[in-house]
Amino acid sequence: MHKFGKGFATGVAAMIGVTAGVLYSFKKAVVEPIESQEQKEEENRKKSQRKAGSSHLG
């Protein structure tokens, strides 16, 4: 029974590690590129609004 407890604890620890790795890689591969693209779009929108506003002043 002692071996079972060690094996079970090792398996649980390994599963937690694998899950953390999968979530981290998903965040790096999917979430961060989407967030950076949204940030670029927001910056471009702000720039275009400033240009449009300044072109109607004169």
PDB file of N, CA and C in Angstrom:
ATOM      1  N   MET A   1       0.814  -1.194   0.000  1.00  0.00           N
ATOM      2  CA  MET A   1       0.000   0.000   0.000  1.00  0.00           C
ATOM      3  C   MET A   1       0.859   1.259   0.000  1.00  0.00           C
ATOM      4  N   HIS A   2       2.060   1.168   0.564  1.00  0.00           N
ATOM      5  CA  HIS A   2       2.944   2.316   0.629  1.00  0.00           C
ATOM      6  C   HIS A   2       3.374   2.750  -0.775  1.00  0.00           C
ATOM      7  N   LYS A   3       3.643   1.768  -1.661  1.00  0.00           N
ATOM      8  CA  LYS A   3       4.039   2.090  -3.031  1.00  0.00           C
ATOM      9  C   LYS A   3       2.894   2.779  -3.778  1.00  0.00           C
ATOM     10  N   PHE A   4       1.682   2.333  -3.509  1.00  0.00           N
ATOM     11  CA  PHE A   4       0.527   2.944  -4.168  1.00  0.00           C
ATOM     12  C   PHE A   4       0.423   4.417  -3.807  1.00  0.00           C
ATOM     13  N   GLY A   5       0.615   4.761  -2.548  1.00  0.00           N
ATOM     14  CA  GLY A   5       0.523   6.150  -2.106  1.00  0.00           C
ATOM     15  C   GLY A   5       1.579   7.020  -2.760  1.00  0.00           C
ATOM     16  N   LYS A   6       2.804   6.499  -2.848  1.00  0.00           N
ATOM     17  CA  LYS A   6       3.877   7.241  -3.506  1.00  0.00           C
ATOM     18  C   LYS A   6       3.577   7.425  -4.995  1.00  0.00           C
ATOM     19  N   GLY A   7       3.131   6.381  -5.612  1.00  0.00           N
ATOM     20  CA  GLY A   7       2.814   6.445  -7.045  1.00  0.00           C
ATOM     21  C   GLY A   7       1.662   7.390  -7.324  1.00  0.00           C
ATOM     22  N   PHE A   8       0.664   7.334  -6.468  1.00  0.00           N
ATOM     23  CA  PHE A   8      -0.490   8.219  -6.635  1.00  0.00           C
ATOM     24  C   PHE A   8      -0.074   9.677  -6.476  1.00  0.00           C
ATOM     25  N   ALA A   9       0.730   9.959  -5.457  1.00  0.00           N
ATOM     26  CA  ALA A   9       1.196  11.336  -5.229  1.00  0.00           C
ATOM     27  C   ALA A   9       2.054  11.807  -6.390  1.00  0.00           C
ATOM     28  N   THR A  10       2.907  10.952  -6.899  1.00  0.00           N
ATOM     29  CA  THR A  10       3.742  11.302  -8.044  1.00  0.00           C
ATOM     30  C   THR A  10       2.888  11.563  -9.283  1.00  0.00           C
ATOM     31  N   GLY A  11       1.897  10.727  -9.487  1.00  0.00           N
ATOM     32  CA  GLY A  11       1.000  10.914 -10.628  1.00  0.00           C
ATOM     33  C   GLY A  11       0.223  12.207 -10.543  1.00  0.00           C
ATOM     34  N   VAL A  12      -0.263  12.544  -9.360  1.00  0.00           N
ATOM     35  CA  VAL A  12      -1.001  13.793  -9.178  1.00  0.00           C
ATOM     36  C   VAL A  12      -0.086  14.985  -9.426  1.00  0.00           C
ATOM     37  N   ALA A  13       1.136  14.930  -8.899  1.00  0.00           N
ATOM     38  CA  ALA A  13       2.088  16.017  -9.103  1.00  0.00           C
ATOM     39  C   ALA A  13       2.434  16.166 -10.582  1.00  0.00           C
ATOM     40  N   ALA A  14       2.622  15.054 -11.262  1.00  0.00           N
ATOM     41  CA  ALA A  14       2.935  15.100 -12.689  1.00  0.00           C
ATOM     42  C   ALA A  14       1.767  15.682 -13.481  1.00  0.00           C
ATOM     43  N   MET A  15       0.560  15.297 -13.130  1.00  0.00           N
ATOM     44  CA  MET A  15      -0.613  15.802 -13.841  1.00  0.00           C
ATOM     45  C   MET A  15      -0.769  17.309 -13.631  1.00  0.00           C
ATOM     46  N   ILE A  16      -0.511  17.775 -12.420  1.00  0.00           N
ATOM     47  CA  ILE A  16      -0.586  19.215 -12.154  1.00  0.00           C
ATOM     48  C   ILE A  16       0.467  19.950 -12.968  1.00  0.00           C
ATOM     49  N   GLY A  17       1.664  19.387 -13.048  1.00  0.00           N
ATOM     50  CA  GLY A  17       2.729  19.999 -13.841  1.00  0.00           C
ATOM     51  C   GLY A  17       2.391  20.047 -15.320  1.00  0.00           C
ATOM     52  N   VAL A  18       1.855  18.961 -15.837  1.00  0.00           N
ATOM     53  CA  VAL A  18       1.479  18.918 -17.256  1.00  0.00           C
ATOM     54  C   VAL A  18       0.370  19.924 -17.539  1.00  0.00           C
ATOM     55  N   THR A  19      -0.607  19.992 -16.673  1.00  0.00           N
ATOM     56  CA  THR A  19      -1.711  20.930 -16.856  1.00  0.00           C
ATOM     57  C   THR A  19      -1.213  22.374 -16.839  1.00  0.00           C
ATOM     58  N   ALA A  20      -0.319  22.676 -15.914  1.00  0.00           N
ATOM     59  CA  ALA A  20       0.242  24.034 -15.850  1.00  0.00           C
ATOM     60  C   ALA A  20       1.016  24.347 -17.120  1.00  0.00           C
ATOM     61  N   GLY A  21       1.771  23.396 -17.627  1.00  0.00           N
ATOM     62  CA  GLY A  21       2.520  23.600 -18.869  1.00  0.00           C
ATOM     63  C   GLY A  21       1.615  23.824 -20.061  1.00  0.00           C
ATOM     64  N   VAL A  22       0.547  23.070 -20.141  1.00  0.00           N
ATOM     65  CA  VAL A  22      -0.399  23.225 -21.250  1.00  0.00           C
ATOM     66  C   VAL A  22      -1.064  24.599 -21.193  1.00  0.00           C
ATOM     67  N   LEU A  23      -1.492  25.006 -20.011  1.00  0.00           N
ATOM     68  CA  LEU A  23      -2.139  26.314 -19.882  1.00  0.00           C
ATOM     69  C   LEU A  23      -1.178  27.442 -20.213  1.00  0.00           C
ATOM     70  N   TYR A  24       0.066  27.340 -19.773  1.00  0.00           N
ATOM     71  CA  TYR A  24       1.062  28.371 -20.060  1.00  0.00           C
ATOM     72  C   TYR A  24       1.338  28.451 -21.556  1.00  0.00           C
ATOM     73  N   SER A  25       1.503  27.314 -22.212  1.00  0.00           N
ATOM     74  CA  SER A  25       1.784  27.330 -23.650  1.00  0.00           C
ATOM     75  C   SER A  25       0.576  27.828 -24.432  1.00  0.00           C
ATOM     76  N   PHE A  26      -0.631  27.511 -23.999  1.00  0.00           N
ATOM     77  CA  PHE A  26      -1.829  28.030 -24.655  1.00  0.00           C
ATOM     78  C   PHE A  26      -1.878  29.543 -24.551  1.00  0.00           C
ATOM     79  N   LYS A  27      -1.554  30.062 -23.372  1.00  0.00           N
ATOM     80  CA  LYS A  27      -1.552  31.508 -23.171  1.00  0.00           C
ATOM     81  C   LYS A  27      -0.534  32.170 -24.085  1.00  0.00           C
ATOM     82  N   LYS A  28       0.667  31.601 -24.176  1.00  0.00           N
ATOM     83  CA  LYS A  28       1.722  32.182 -25.003  1.00  0.00           C
ATOM     84  C   LYS A  28       1.390  32.079 -26.487  1.00  0.00           C
ATOM     85  N   ALA A  29       0.776  30.992 -26.919  1.00  0.00           N
ATOM     86  CA  ALA A  29       0.549  30.749 -28.336  1.00  0.00           C
ATOM     87  C   ALA A  29      -0.741  31.366 -28.848  1.00  0.00           C
ATOM     88  N   VAL A  30      -1.751  31.520 -28.000  1.00  0.00           N
ATOM     89  CA  VAL A  30      -3.055  31.964 -28.478  1.00  0.00           C
ATOM     90  C   VAL A  30      -3.463  33.306 -27.887  1.00  0.00           C
ATOM     91  N   VAL A  31      -3.415  33.436 -26.587  1.00  0.00           N
ATOM     92  CA  VAL A  31      -3.979  34.601 -25.917  1.00  0.00           C
ATOM     93  C   VAL A  31      -3.123  35.845 -26.132  1.00  0.00           C
ATOM     94  N   GLU A  32      -1.822  35.748 -25.939  1.00  0.00           N
ATOM     95  CA  GLU A  32      -0.960  36.924 -26.055  1.00  0.00           C
ATOM     96  C   GLU A  32      -0.928  37.515 -27.467  1.00  0.00           C
ATOM     97  N   PRO A  33      -0.871  36.710 -28.540  1.00  0.00           N
ATOM     98  CA  PRO A  33      -0.925  37.318 -29.873  1.00  0.00           C
ATOM     99  C   PRO A  33      -2.245  38.065 -30.130  1.00  0.00           C
ATOM    100  N   ILE A  34      -3.345  37.553 -29.622  1.00  0.00           N
ATOM    101  CA  ILE A  34      -4.629  38.230 -29.797  1.00  0.00           C
ATOM    102  C   ILE A  34      -4.623  39.546 -29.039  1.00  0.00           C
ATOM    103  N   GLU A  35      -4.103  39.538 -27.814  1.00  0.00           N
ATOM    104  CA  GLU A  35      -4.059  40.761 -27.023  1.00  0.00           C
ATOM    105  C   GLU A  35      -3.149  41.799 -27.659  1.00  0.00           C
ATOM    106  N   SER A  36      -2.006  41.375 -28.203  1.00  0.00           N
ATOM    107  CA  SER A  36      -1.102  42.337 -28.826  1.00  0.00           C
ATOM    108  C   SER A  36      -1.721  42.910 -30.094  1.00  0.00           C
ATOM    109  N   GLN A  37      -2.451  42.099 -30.841  1.00  0.00           N
ATOM    110  CA  GLN A  37      -3.121  42.603 -32.047  1.00  0.00           C
ATOM    111  C   GLN A  37      -4.202  43.609 -31.671  1.00  0.00           C
ATOM    112  N   GLU A  38      -4.956  43.346 -30.620  1.00  0.00           N
ATOM    113  CA  GLU A  38      -5.980  44.291 -30.173  1.00  0.00           C
ATOM    114  C   GLU A  38      -5.350  45.596 -29.714  1.00  0.00           C
ATOM    115  N   GLN A  39      -4.203  45.506 -29.070  1.00  0.00           N
ATOM    116  CA  GLN A  39      -3.511  46.708 -28.603  1.00  0.00           C
ATOM    117  C   GLN A  39      -3.036  47.541 -29.798  1.00  0.00           C
ATOM    118  N   LYS A  40      -2.503  46.902 -30.837  1.00  0.00           N
ATOM    119  CA  LYS A  40      -2.073  47.614 -32.036  1.00  0.00           C
ATOM    120  C   LYS A  40      -3.256  48.293 -32.720  1.00  0.00           C
ATOM    121  N   GLU A  41      -4.387  47.591 -32.802  1.00  0.00           N
ATOM    122  CA  GLU A  41      -5.573  48.168 -33.417  1.00  0.00           C
ATOM    123  C   GLU A  41      -6.061  49.387 -32.640  1.00  0.00           C
ATOM    124  N   GLU A  42      -6.006  49.315 -31.321  1.00  0.00           N
ATOM    125  CA  GLU A  42      -6.425  50.429 -30.473  1.00  0.00           C
ATOM    126  C   GLU A  42      -5.512  51.637 -30.695  1.00  0.00           C
ATOM    127  N   GLU A  43      -4.198  51.401 -30.779  1.00  0.00           N
ATOM    128  CA  GLU A  43      -3.261  52.493 -31.023  1.00  0.00           C
ATOM    129  C   GLU A  43      -3.515  53.132 -32.391  1.00  0.00           C
ATOM    130  N   ASN A  44      -3.756  52.316 -33.404  1.00  0.00           N
ATOM    131  CA  ASN A  44      -4.031  52.842 -34.744  1.00  0.00           C
ATOM    132  C   ASN A  44      -5.330  53.640 -34.766  1.00  0.00           C
ATOM    133  N   ARG A  45      -6.325  53.177 -34.030  1.00  0.00           N
ATOM    134  CA  ARG A  45      -7.591  53.903 -33.972  1.00  0.00           C
ATOM    135  C   ARG A  45      -7.395  55.268 -33.327  1.00  0.00           C
ATOM    136  N   LYS A  46      -6.617  55.313 -32.254  1.00  0.00           N
ATOM    137  CA  LYS A  46      -6.352  56.591 -31.591  1.00  0.00           C
ATOM    138  C   LYS A  46      -5.595  57.535 -32.509  1.00  0.00           C
ATOM    139  N   LYS A  47      -4.600  57.025 -33.237  1.00  0.00           N
ATOM    140  CA  LYS A  47      -3.826  57.857 -34.162  1.00  0.00           C
ATOM    141  C   LYS A  47      -4.722  58.429 -35.255  1.00  0.00           C
ATOM    142  N   SER A  48      -5.583  57.583 -35.797  1.00  0.00           N
ATOM    143  CA  SER A  48      -6.442  58.061 -36.878  1.00  0.00           C
ATOM    144  C   SER A  48      -7.454  59.087 -36.371  1.00  0.00           C
ATOM    145  N   GLN A  49      -7.924  58.942 -35.152  1.00  0.00           N
ATOM    146  CA  GLN A  49      -8.840  59.931 -34.592  1.00  0.00           C
ATOM    147  C   GLN A  49      -8.132  61.267 -34.382  1.00  0.00           C
ATOM    148  N   ARG A  50      -6.877  61.230 -33.942  1.00  0.00           N
ATOM    149  CA  ARG A  50      -6.122  62.469 -33.765  1.00  0.00           C
ATOM    150  C   ARG A  50      -5.901  63.151 -35.109  1.00  0.00           C
ATOM    151  N   LYS A  51      -5.545  62.376 -36.137  1.00  0.00           N
ATOM    152  CA  LYS A  51      -5.330  62.953 -37.463  1.00  0.00           C
ATOM    153  C   LYS A  51      -6.610  63.541 -38.017  1.00  0.00           C
ATOM    154  N   ALA A  52      -7.714  62.834 -37.853  1.00  0.00           N
ATOM    155  CA  ALA A  52      -8.986  63.309 -38.376  1.00  0.00           C
ATOM    156  C   ALA A  52      -9.414  64.578 -37.647  1.00  0.00           C
ATOM    157  N   GLY A  53      -9.192  64.620 -36.362  1.00  0.00           N
ATOM    158  CA  GLY A  53      -9.575  65.809 -35.591  1.00  0.00           C
ATOM    159  C   GLY A  53      -8.711  67.003 -35.938  1.00  0.00           C
ATOM    160  N   SER A  54      -7.409  66.791 -36.138  1.00  0.00           N
ATOM    161  CA  SER A  54      -6.528  67.921 -36.429  1.00  0.00           C
ATOM    162  C   SER A  54      -6.699  68.415 -37.864  1.00  0.00           C
ATOM    163  N   SER A  55      -7.146  67.578 -38.765  1.00  0.00           N
ATOM    164  CA  SER A  55      -7.296  68.012 -40.151  1.00  0.00           C
ATOM    165  C   SER A  55      -8.499  68.935 -40.328  1.00  0.00           C
ATOM    166  N   HIS A  56      -9.429  68.937 -39.397  1.00  0.00           N
ATOM    167  CA  HIS A  56     -10.608  69.786 -39.512  1.00  0.00           C
ATOM    168  C   HIS A  56     -10.478  71.087 -38.716  1.00  0.00           C
ATOM    169  N   LEU A  57      -9.304  71.335 -38.161  1.00  0.00           N
ATOM    170  CA  LEU A  57      -9.122  72.540 -37.360  1.00  0.00           C
ATOM    171  C   LEU A  57      -8.800  73.754 -38.215  1.00  0.00           C
ATOM    172  N   GLY A  58      -8.143  73.558 -39.309  1.00  0.00           N
ATOM    173  CA  GLY A  58      -7.630  74.687 -40.078  1.00  0.00           C
ATOM    174  C   GLY A  58      -8.539  75.108 -41.139  1.00  0.00           C
TER     175      GLY A  58
END
